[in-house]
């Protein structure tokens, strides 16, 4: 499991990569290139609710917060 610091660093990388790829796709579309950018984020740093709990770059759950799994 990733530490909170690793998650924060991963999130920074993800936001930069997402922004770069999203901008490149828009620039390519402007040049009439058939391209589609697909990402689990609605916009940089904002995870689509359908992906909640499935991203390693999300903040770590706080104590007492449900994680979606059961522990035995």
PDB file of N, CA and C in Angstrom:
ATOM      1  N   UNK A   1       0.842  -1.179   0.000  1.00  0.00           N
ATOM      2  CA  UNK A   1       0.000   0.000   0.000  1.00  0.00           C
ATOM      3  C   UNK A   1       0.891   1.247   0.000  1.00  0.00           C
ATOM      4  N   UNK A   2       0.475   2.238  -0.724  1.00  0.00           N
ATOM      5  CA  UNK A   2       1.244   3.478  -0.822  1.00  0.00           C
ATOM      6  C   UNK A   2       1.089   4.301   0.461  1.00  0.00           C
ATOM      7  N   UNK A   3       2.166   4.974   0.823  1.00  0.00           N
ATOM      8  CA  UNK A   3       2.123   5.860   1.992  1.00  0.00           C
ATOM      9  C   UNK A   3       1.423   7.156   1.592  1.00  0.00           C
ATOM     10  N   UNK A   4       0.983   7.957   2.565  1.00  0.00           N
ATOM     11  CA  UNK A   4       0.371   9.243   2.215  1.00  0.00           C
ATOM     12  C   UNK A   4       1.309  10.125   1.372  1.00  0.00           C
ATOM     13  N   UNK A   5       2.603  10.109   1.664  1.00  0.00           N
ATOM     14  CA  UNK A   5       3.553  10.921   0.877  1.00  0.00           C
ATOM     15  C   UNK A   5       3.647  10.397  -0.557  1.00  0.00           C
ATOM     16  N   UNK A   6       3.641   9.072  -0.711  1.00  0.00           N
ATOM     17  CA  UNK A   6       3.691   8.494  -2.060  1.00  0.00           C
ATOM     18  C   UNK A   6       2.422   8.816  -2.836  1.00  0.00           C
ATOM     19  N   UNK A   7       1.294   8.783  -2.153  1.00  0.00           N
ATOM     20  CA  UNK A   7       0.024   9.132  -2.811  1.00  0.00           C
ATOM     21  C   UNK A   7       0.025  10.597  -3.251  1.00  0.00           C
ATOM     22  N   UNK A   8       0.523  11.469  -2.398  1.00  0.00           N
ATOM     23  CA  UNK A   8       0.578  12.895  -2.742  1.00  0.00           C
ATOM     24  C   UNK A   8       1.501  13.129  -3.934  1.00  0.00           C
ATOM     25  N   UNK A   9       2.659  12.475  -3.938  1.00  0.00           N
ATOM     26  CA  UNK A   9       3.589  12.616  -5.063  1.00  0.00           C
ATOM     27  C   UNK A   9       2.978  12.045  -6.335  1.00  0.00           C
ATOM     28  N   UNK A  10       2.317  10.907  -6.220  1.00  0.00           N
ATOM     29  CA  UNK A  10       1.659  10.303  -7.375  1.00  0.00           C
ATOM     30  C   UNK A  10       0.563  11.195  -7.920  1.00  0.00           C
ATOM     31  N   UNK A  11      -0.159  11.854  -7.026  1.00  0.00           N
ATOM     32  CA  UNK A  11      -1.223  12.754  -7.460  1.00  0.00           C
ATOM     33  C   UNK A  11      -0.649  13.941  -8.236  1.00  0.00           C
ATOM     34  N   UNK A  12       0.481  14.476  -7.793  1.00  0.00           N
ATOM     35  CA  UNK A  12       1.114  15.595  -8.509  1.00  0.00           C
ATOM     36  C   UNK A  12       1.537  15.169  -9.912  1.00  0.00           C
ATOM     37  N   UNK A  13       2.113  13.972 -10.014  1.00  0.00           N
ATOM     38  CA  UNK A  13       2.519  13.454 -11.322  1.00  0.00           C
ATOM     39  C   UNK A  13       1.291  13.254 -12.203  1.00  0.00           C
ATOM     40  N   UNK A  14       0.234  12.671 -11.631  1.00  0.00           N
ATOM     41  CA  UNK A  14      -0.993  12.425 -12.383  1.00  0.00           C
ATOM     42  C   UNK A  14      -1.597  13.720 -12.915  1.00  0.00           C
ATOM     43  N   UNK A  15      -1.650  14.745 -12.093  1.00  0.00           N
ATOM     44  CA  UNK A  15      -2.231  16.024 -12.533  1.00  0.00           C
ATOM     45  C   UNK A  15      -1.410  16.605 -13.686  1.00  0.00           C
ATOM     46  N   UNK A  16      -0.093  16.552 -13.587  1.00  0.00           N
ATOM     47  CA  UNK A  16       0.761  17.068 -14.662  1.00  0.00           C
ATOM     48  C   UNK A  16       0.586  16.271 -15.949  1.00  0.00           C
ATOM     49  N   UNK A  17       0.574  14.956 -15.816  1.00  0.00           N
ATOM     50  CA  UNK A  17       0.411  14.099 -16.990  1.00  0.00           C
ATOM     51  C   UNK A  17      -0.966  14.282 -17.609  1.00  0.00           C
ATOM     52  N   UNK A  18      -1.996  14.313 -16.783  1.00  0.00           N
ATOM     53  CA  UNK A  18      -3.362  14.517 -17.262  1.00  0.00           C
ATOM     54  C   UNK A  18      -3.476  15.831 -18.024  1.00  0.00           C
ATOM     55  N   UNK A  19      -2.939  16.897 -17.447  1.00  0.00           N
ATOM     56  CA  UNK A  19      -2.991  18.210 -18.093  1.00  0.00           C
ATOM     57  C   UNK A  19      -2.261  18.201 -19.427  1.00  0.00           C
ATOM     58  N   UNK A  20      -1.079  17.602 -19.473  1.00  0.00           N
ATOM     59  CA  UNK A  20      -0.289  17.545 -20.703  1.00  0.00           C
ATOM     60  C   UNK A  20      -1.020  16.770 -21.793  1.00  0.00           C
ATOM     61  N   UNK A  21      -1.527  15.588 -21.453  1.00  0.00           N
ATOM     62  CA  UNK A  21      -2.208  14.767 -22.458  1.00  0.00           C
ATOM     63  C   UNK A  21      -3.523  15.388 -22.906  1.00  0.00           C
ATOM     64  N   UNK A  22      -4.258  15.971 -21.977  1.00  0.00           N
ATOM     65  CA  UNK A  22      -5.531  16.630 -22.314  1.00  0.00           C
ATOM     66  C   UNK A  22      -5.270  17.812 -23.267  1.00  0.00           C
ATOM     67  N   UNK A  23      -4.232  18.599 -22.977  1.00  0.00           N
ATOM     68  CA  UNK A  23      -3.879  19.753 -23.825  1.00  0.00           C
ATOM     69  C   UNK A  23      -3.401  19.289 -25.198  1.00  0.00           C
ATOM     70  N   UNK A  24      -2.597  18.225 -25.233  1.00  0.00           N
ATOM     71  CA  UNK A  24      -2.105  17.692 -26.511  1.00  0.00           C
ATOM     72  C   UNK A  24      -3.264  17.188 -27.366  1.00  0.00           C
ATOM     73  N   UNK A  25      -4.232  16.530 -26.750  1.00  0.00           N
ATOM     74  CA  UNK A  25      -5.395  16.035 -27.502  1.00  0.00           C
ATOM     75  C   UNK A  25      -6.207  17.189 -28.069  1.00  0.00           C
ATOM     76  N   UNK A  26      -6.392  18.231 -27.288  1.00  0.00           N
ATOM     77  CA  UNK A  26      -7.128  19.404 -27.782  1.00  0.00           C
ATOM     78  C   UNK A  26      -6.392  20.077 -28.939  1.00  0.00           C
ATOM     79  N   UNK A  27      -5.069  20.179 -28.838  1.00  0.00           N
ATOM     80  CA  UNK A  27      -4.268  20.779 -29.913  1.00  0.00           C
ATOM     81  C   UNK A  27      -4.355  19.924 -31.175  1.00  0.00           C
ATOM     82  N   UNK A  28      -4.310  18.616 -31.019  1.00  0.00           N
ATOM     83  CA  UNK A  28      -4.409  17.713 -32.175  1.00  0.00           C
ATOM     84  C   UNK A  28      -5.784  17.827 -32.825  1.00  0.00           C
ATOM     85  N   UNK A  29      -6.835  17.899 -32.019  1.00  0.00           N
ATOM     86  CA  UNK A  29      -8.182  18.078 -32.572  1.00  0.00           C
ATOM     87  C   UNK A  29      -8.278  19.367 -33.378  1.00  0.00           C
ATOM     88  N   UNK A  30      -7.646  20.424 -32.898  1.00  0.00           N
ATOM     89  CA  UNK A  30      -7.665  21.702 -33.615  1.00  0.00           C
ATOM     90  C   UNK A  30      -7.007  21.582 -34.991  1.00  0.00           C
ATOM     91  N   UNK A  31      -6.110  20.605 -35.126  1.00  0.00           N
ATOM     92  CA  UNK A  31      -5.440  20.356 -36.414  1.00  0.00           C
ATOM     93  C   UNK A  31      -6.156  19.255 -37.204  1.00  0.00           C
ATOM     94  N   UNK A  32      -7.372  18.927 -36.784  1.00  0.00           N
ATOM     95  CA  UNK A  32      -8.218  17.924 -37.453  1.00  0.00           C
ATOM     96  C   UNK A  32      -7.649  16.513 -37.378  1.00  0.00           C
ATOM     97  N   UNK A  33      -6.923  16.225 -36.317  1.00  0.00           N
ATOM     98  CA  UNK A  33      -6.434  14.868 -36.066  1.00  0.00           C
ATOM     99  C   UNK A  33      -7.529  14.137 -35.289  1.00  0.00           C
ATOM    100  N   UNK A  34      -7.840  12.914 -35.719  1.00  0.00           N
ATOM    101  CA  UNK A  34      -8.860  12.123 -35.044  1.00  0.00           C
ATOM    102  C   UNK A  34      -8.251  11.535 -33.774  1.00  0.00           C
ATOM    103  N   UNK A  35      -8.500  12.164 -32.655  1.00  0.00           N
ATOM    104  CA  UNK A  35      -7.913  11.752 -31.379  1.00  0.00           C
ATOM    105  C   UNK A  35      -8.972  11.837 -30.291  1.00  0.00           C
ATOM    106  N   UNK A  36      -8.851  10.962 -29.304  1.00  0.00           N
ATOM    107  CA  UNK A  36      -9.757  11.006 -28.159  1.00  0.00           C
ATOM    108  C   UNK A  36      -8.934  10.800 -26.895  1.00  0.00           C
ATOM    109  N   UNK A  37      -9.112  11.675 -25.930  1.00  0.00           N
ATOM    110  CA  UNK A  37      -8.432  11.566 -24.642  1.00  0.00           C
ATOM    111  C   UNK A  37      -9.409  10.965 -23.639  1.00  0.00           C
ATOM    112  N   UNK A  38      -9.023   9.873 -23.007  1.00  0.00           N
ATOM    113  CA  UNK A  38      -9.869   9.200 -22.028  1.00  0.00           C
ATOM    114  C   UNK A  38      -9.097   9.107 -20.719  1.00  0.00           C
ATOM    115  N   UNK A  39      -9.754   9.458 -19.639  1.00  0.00           N
ATOM    116  CA  UNK A  39      -9.085   9.492 -18.343  1.00  0.00           C
ATOM    117  C   UNK A  39     -10.125   9.271 -17.243  1.00  0.00           C
ATOM    118  N   UNK A  40      -9.747   8.652 -16.126  1.00  0.00           N
ATOM    119  CA  UNK A  40     -10.698   8.485 -15.029  1.00  0.00           C
ATOM    120  C   UNK A  40     -10.964   9.788 -14.263  1.00  0.00           C
ATOM    121  N   UNK A  41     -10.335  10.862 -14.676  1.00  0.00           N
ATOM    122  CA  UNK A  41     -10.521  12.155 -14.018  1.00  0.00           C
ATOM    123  C   UNK A  41     -11.390  13.063 -14.872  1.00  0.00           C
ATOM    124  N   UNK A  42     -12.368  13.731 -14.260  1.00  0.00           N
ATOM    125  CA  UNK A  42     -13.233  14.662 -14.963  1.00  0.00           C
ATOM    126  C   UNK A  42     -12.435  15.864 -15.466  1.00  0.00           C
ATOM    127  N   UNK A  43     -11.504  16.297 -14.649  1.00  0.00           N
ATOM    128  CA  UNK A  43     -10.546  17.352 -14.979  1.00  0.00           C
ATOM    129  C   UNK A  43      -9.351  17.096 -14.079  1.00  0.00           C
ATOM    130  N   UNK A  44      -8.216  17.697 -14.331  1.00  0.00           N
ATOM    131  CA  UNK A  44      -7.028  17.391 -13.522  1.00  0.00           C
ATOM    132  C   UNK A  44      -7.298  17.476 -12.022  1.00  0.00           C
ATOM    133  N   UNK A  45      -7.050  16.379 -11.338  1.00  0.00           N
ATOM    134  CA  UNK A  45      -7.198  16.337  -9.889  1.00  0.00           C
ATOM    135  C   UNK A  45      -8.593  16.026  -9.384  1.00  0.00           C
ATOM    136  N   UNK A  46      -9.593  15.912 -10.276  1.00  0.00           N
ATOM    137  CA  UNK A  46     -10.967  15.643  -9.857  1.00  0.00           C
ATOM    138  C   UNK A  46     -11.387  14.291 -10.430  1.00  0.00           C
ATOM    139  N   UNK A  47     -11.362  13.266  -9.575  1.00  0.00           N
ATOM    140  CA  UNK A  47     -11.665  11.907  -9.982  1.00  0.00           C
ATOM    141  C   UNK A  47     -13.146  11.755 -10.290  1.00  0.00           C
ATOM    142  N   UNK A  48     -13.460  11.079 -11.410  1.00  0.00           N
ATOM    143  CA  UNK A  48     -14.840  10.753 -11.740  1.00  0.00           C
ATOM    144  C   UNK A  48     -15.376   9.853 -10.627  1.00  0.00           C
ATOM    145  N   UNK A  49     -16.580  10.114 -10.134  1.00  0.00           N
ATOM    146  CA  UNK A  49     -17.113   9.311  -9.028  1.00  0.00           C
ATOM    147  C   UNK A  49     -17.133   7.803  -9.315  1.00  0.00           C
ATOM    148  N   UNK A  50     -17.253   7.414 -10.567  1.00  0.00           N
ATOM    149  CA  UNK A  50     -17.272   5.993 -10.915  1.00  0.00           C
ATOM    150  C   UNK A  50     -15.959   5.299 -10.566  1.00  0.00           C
ATOM    151  N   UNK A  51     -14.884   6.062 -10.440  1.00  0.00           N
ATOM    152  CA  UNK A  51     -13.569   5.485 -10.151  1.00  0.00           C
ATOM    153  C   UNK A  51     -13.163   5.624  -8.685  1.00  0.00           C
ATOM    154  N   UNK A  52     -14.029   6.212  -7.861  1.00  0.00           N
ATOM    155  CA  UNK A  52     -13.689   6.431  -6.452  1.00  0.00           C
ATOM    156  C   UNK A  52     -13.351   5.103  -5.779  1.00  0.00           C
ATOM    157  N   UNK A  53     -12.235   5.090  -5.076  1.00  0.00           N
ATOM    158  CA  UNK A  53     -11.801   3.900  -4.373  1.00  0.00           C
ATOM    159  C   UNK A  53     -10.941   2.969  -5.205  1.00  0.00           C
ATOM    160  N   UNK A  54     -10.690   3.343  -6.461  1.00  0.00           N
ATOM    161  CA  UNK A  54      -9.915   2.485  -7.356  1.00  0.00           C
ATOM    162  C   UNK A  54      -8.645   3.146  -7.861  1.00  0.00           C
ATOM    163  N   UNK A  55      -8.299   4.292  -7.334  1.00  0.00           N
ATOM    164  CA  UNK A  55      -7.125   5.017  -7.795  1.00  0.00           C
ATOM    165  C   UNK A  55      -6.057   5.042  -6.707  1.00  0.00           C
ATOM    166  N   UNK A  56      -4.841   4.635  -7.050  1.00  0.00           N
ATOM    167  CA  UNK A  56      -3.750   4.661  -6.081  1.00  0.00           C
ATOM    168  C   UNK A  56      -3.334   6.078  -5.714  1.00  0.00           C
ATOM    169  N   UNK A  57      -3.708   7.051  -6.528  1.00  0.00           N
ATOM    170  CA  UNK A  57      -3.307   8.428  -6.253  1.00  0.00           C
ATOM    171  C   UNK A  57      -4.315   9.166  -5.380  1.00  0.00           C
ATOM    172  N   UNK A  58      -5.384   8.510  -4.991  1.00  0.00           N
ATOM    173  CA  UNK A  58      -6.338   9.133  -4.087  1.00  0.00           C
ATOM    174  C   UNK A  58      -5.705   9.287  -2.713  1.00  0.00           C
ATOM    175  N   UNK A  59      -6.161  10.239  -1.933  1.00  0.00           N
ATOM    176  CA  UNK A  59      -5.652  10.337  -0.567  1.00  0.00           C
ATOM    177  C   UNK A  59      -5.953   9.051   0.192  1.00  0.00           C
ATOM    178  N   UNK A  60      -5.093   8.694   1.095  1.00  0.00           N
ATOM    179  CA  UNK A  60      -5.307   7.501   1.914  1.00  0.00           C
ATOM    180  C   UNK A  60      -6.537   7.707   2.789  1.00  0.00           C
ATOM    181  N   UNK A  61      -7.321   6.654   3.004  1.00  0.00           N
ATOM    182  CA  UNK A  61      -8.487   6.789   3.888  1.00  0.00           C
ATOM    183  C   UNK A  61      -8.058   7.175   5.293  1.00  0.00           C
ATOM    184  N   UNK A  62      -8.862   7.979   5.933  1.00  0.00           N
ATOM    185  CA  UNK A  62      -8.569   8.351   7.316  1.00  0.00           C
ATOM    186  C   UNK A  62      -9.076   7.237   8.221  1.00  0.00           C
ATOM    187  N   UNK A  63      -8.535   7.117   9.420  1.00  0.00           N
ATOM    188  CA  UNK A  63      -8.999   6.070  10.331  1.00  0.00           C
ATOM    189  C   UNK A  63     -10.512   6.146  10.531  1.00  0.00           C
ATOM    190  N   UNK A  64     -11.165   5.002  10.421  1.00  0.00           N
ATOM    191  CA  UNK A  64     -12.608   4.956  10.594  1.00  0.00           C
ATOM    192  C   UNK A  64     -13.377   5.135   9.297  1.00  0.00           C
ATOM    193  N   UNK A  65     -12.709   5.545   8.233  1.00  0.00           N
ATOM    194  CA  UNK A  65     -13.362   5.751   6.938  1.00  0.00           C
ATOM    195  C   UNK A  65     -13.473   4.403   6.235  1.00  0.00           C
ATOM    196  N   UNK A  66     -14.613   4.139   5.640  1.00  0.00           N
ATOM    197  CA  UNK A  66     -14.829   2.884   4.923  1.00  0.00           C
ATOM    198  C   UNK A  66     -13.926   2.821   3.706  1.00  0.00           C
ATOM    199  N   UNK A  67     -13.359   1.657   3.447  1.00  0.00           N
ATOM    200  CA  UNK A  67     -12.472   1.486   2.284  1.00  0.00           C
ATOM    201  C   UNK A  67     -13.126   0.661   1.199  1.00  0.00           C
ATOM    202  N   UNK A  68     -14.341   0.171   1.421  1.00  0.00           N
ATOM    203  CA  UNK A  68     -15.029  -0.605   0.409  1.00  0.00           C
ATOM    204  C   UNK A  68     -14.738  -2.092   0.494  1.00  0.00           C
ATOM    205  N   UNK A  69     -13.870  -2.514   1.366  1.00  0.00           N
ATOM    206  CA  UNK A  69     -13.542  -3.923   1.523  1.00  0.00           C
ATOM    207  C   UNK A  69     -13.751  -4.346   2.956  1.00  0.00           C
ATOM    208  N   UNK A  70     -13.779  -5.636   3.166  1.00  0.00           N
ATOM    209  CA  UNK A  70     -13.923  -6.101   4.535  1.00  0.00           C
ATOM    210  C   UNK A  70     -12.600  -6.713   4.989  1.00  0.00           C
ATOM    211  N   UNK A  71     -12.347  -6.632   6.254  1.00  0.00           N
ATOM    212  CA  UNK A  71     -11.135  -7.222   6.832  1.00  0.00           C
ATOM    213  C   UNK A  71     -11.566  -8.281   7.826  1.00  0.00           C
ATOM    214  N   UNK A  72     -10.872  -9.374   7.821  1.00  0.00           N
ATOM    215  CA  UNK A  72     -11.200 -10.461   8.759  1.00  0.00           C
ATOM    216  C   UNK A  72     -10.072 -10.662   9.716  1.00  0.00           C
TER     217      UNK A  72
END
